[in-house]
Amino acid sequence: MEQECYAFICALDKWHNYLSGITFIWETDHKALTQLNKKAQVN
């Protein structure tokens, strides 16, 4: 999950000139969160 957040920040930094002033939606797949929830339920 931390790597996914870092990738998001790096992408925003690289593309901010193109994304500045527009509305956009960033979609991810949440697979990392799913795995964390499964581990918590097993314990």
N, C-alpha and C. Protein backbone atom coordinates (compact mmCIF):
# COMPACT_ATOMS: atom_id res chain seq x y z
N MET A 1 0.82 -1.19 0.00
CA MET A 1 0.00 0.00 0.00
C MET A 1 0.87 1.25 0.00
N GLU A 2 1.96 1.22 0.74
CA GLU A 2 2.84 2.38 0.79
C GLU A 2 3.47 2.65 -0.57
N GLN A 3 3.83 1.58 -1.29
CA GLN A 3 4.41 1.75 -2.62
C GLN A 3 3.39 2.35 -3.58
N GLU A 4 2.13 1.95 -3.43
CA GLU A 4 1.09 2.49 -4.28
C GLU A 4 0.91 3.99 -4.03
N CYS A 5 0.96 4.39 -2.77
CA CYS A 5 0.86 5.82 -2.43
C CYS A 5 2.07 6.58 -2.96
N TYR A 6 3.24 5.98 -2.84
CA TYR A 6 4.46 6.62 -3.33
C TYR A 6 4.39 6.78 -4.85
N ALA A 7 3.90 5.77 -5.55
CA ALA A 7 3.76 5.85 -7.00
C ALA A 7 2.80 6.97 -7.39
N PHE A 8 1.72 7.12 -6.62
CA PHE A 8 0.75 8.19 -6.87
C PHE A 8 1.41 9.56 -6.72
N ILE A 9 2.18 9.73 -5.66
CA ILE A 9 2.86 11.01 -5.41
C ILE A 9 3.87 11.31 -6.51
N CYS A 10 4.63 10.29 -6.92
CA CYS A 10 5.62 10.48 -7.99
C CYS A 10 4.94 10.85 -9.31
N ALA A 11 3.81 10.20 -9.60
CA ALA A 11 3.08 10.49 -10.83
C ALA A 11 2.54 11.92 -10.81
N LEU A 12 1.99 12.34 -9.68
CA LEU A 12 1.50 13.71 -9.58
C LEU A 12 2.63 14.72 -9.74
N ASP A 13 3.77 14.41 -9.16
CA ASP A 13 4.92 15.31 -9.28
C ASP A 13 5.37 15.43 -10.73
N LYS A 14 5.40 14.30 -11.43
CA LYS A 14 5.86 14.30 -12.82
C LYS A 14 4.86 14.96 -13.77
N TRP A 15 3.58 14.74 -13.56
CA TRP A 15 2.55 15.18 -14.48
C TRP A 15 1.77 16.41 -14.00
N HIS A 16 2.24 17.09 -12.95
CA HIS A 16 1.44 18.18 -12.38
C HIS A 16 1.18 19.31 -13.38
N ASN A 17 2.07 19.53 -14.33
CA ASN A 17 1.84 20.58 -15.33
C ASN A 17 0.61 20.27 -16.19
N TYR A 18 0.37 19.01 -16.46
CA TYR A 18 -0.77 18.60 -17.28
C TYR A 18 -2.04 18.46 -16.45
N LEU A 19 -1.90 18.11 -15.18
CA LEU A 19 -3.07 17.85 -14.33
C LEU A 19 -3.53 19.08 -13.55
N SER A 20 -2.70 20.08 -13.47
CA SER A 20 -3.03 21.27 -12.70
C SER A 20 -4.26 21.98 -13.28
N GLY A 21 -5.22 22.23 -12.42
CA GLY A 21 -6.40 22.98 -12.82
C GLY A 21 -7.52 22.13 -13.41
N ILE A 22 -7.35 20.81 -13.47
CA ILE A 22 -8.42 19.96 -13.98
C ILE A 22 -8.86 19.00 -12.89
N THR A 23 -10.06 18.50 -13.02
CA THR A 23 -10.57 17.49 -12.10
C THR A 23 -10.33 16.12 -12.71
N PHE A 24 -9.78 15.21 -11.91
CA PHE A 24 -9.55 13.86 -12.41
C PHE A 24 -9.78 12.87 -11.28
N ILE A 25 -9.98 11.62 -11.65
CA ILE A 25 -10.20 10.54 -10.68
C ILE A 25 -9.06 9.56 -10.81
N TRP A 26 -8.43 9.23 -9.69
CA TRP A 26 -7.34 8.26 -9.66
C TRP A 26 -7.92 6.96 -9.10
N GLU A 27 -7.92 5.92 -9.90
CA GLU A 27 -8.48 4.64 -9.48
C GLU A 27 -7.36 3.63 -9.24
N THR A 28 -7.50 2.87 -8.16
CA THR A 28 -6.56 1.80 -7.85
C THR A 28 -7.34 0.52 -7.59
N ASP A 29 -6.61 -0.58 -7.42
CA ASP A 29 -7.30 -1.85 -7.26
C ASP A 29 -7.40 -2.33 -5.81
N HIS A 30 -6.85 -1.75 -4.85
CA HIS A 30 -6.99 -2.08 -3.43
C HIS A 30 -6.61 -3.52 -3.06
N LYS A 31 -5.85 -4.22 -3.88
CA LYS A 31 -5.47 -5.60 -3.55
C LYS A 31 -4.64 -5.67 -2.27
N ALA A 32 -3.82 -4.68 -2.04
CA ALA A 32 -3.01 -4.67 -0.82
C ALA A 32 -3.90 -4.60 0.42
N LEU A 33 -4.94 -3.80 0.37
CA LEU A 33 -5.86 -3.69 1.50
C LEU A 33 -6.64 -4.99 1.71
N THR A 34 -7.00 -5.66 0.64
CA THR A 34 -7.71 -6.93 0.75
C THR A 34 -6.88 -7.96 1.48
N GLN A 35 -5.60 -8.04 1.17
CA GLN A 35 -4.71 -8.99 1.83
C GLN A 35 -4.56 -8.67 3.31
N LEU A 36 -4.47 -7.40 3.65
CA LEU A 36 -4.37 -7.01 5.06
C LEU A 36 -5.62 -7.40 5.83
N ASN A 37 -6.79 -7.22 5.24
CA ASN A 37 -8.04 -7.58 5.90
C ASN A 37 -8.14 -9.08 6.11
N LYS A 38 -7.69 -9.89 5.16
CA LYS A 38 -7.73 -11.34 5.30
C LYS A 38 -6.84 -11.80 6.45
N LYS A 39 -5.65 -11.21 6.57
CA LYS A 39 -4.74 -11.57 7.65
C LYS A 39 -5.33 -11.21 9.01
N ALA A 40 -6.00 -10.08 9.10
CA ALA A 40 -6.59 -9.65 10.36
C ALA A 40 -7.73 -10.58 10.78
N GLN A 41 -8.50 -11.10 9.83
CA GLN A 41 -9.62 -11.97 10.15
C GLN A 41 -9.15 -13.35 10.60
N VAL A 42 -8.02 -13.83 10.08
CA VAL A 42 -7.50 -15.14 10.44
C VAL A 42 -7.02 -15.15 11.87
N ASN A 43 -6.39 -14.08 12.32
CA ASN A 43 -5.85 -14.03 13.69
C ASN A 43 -6.94 -13.88 14.66
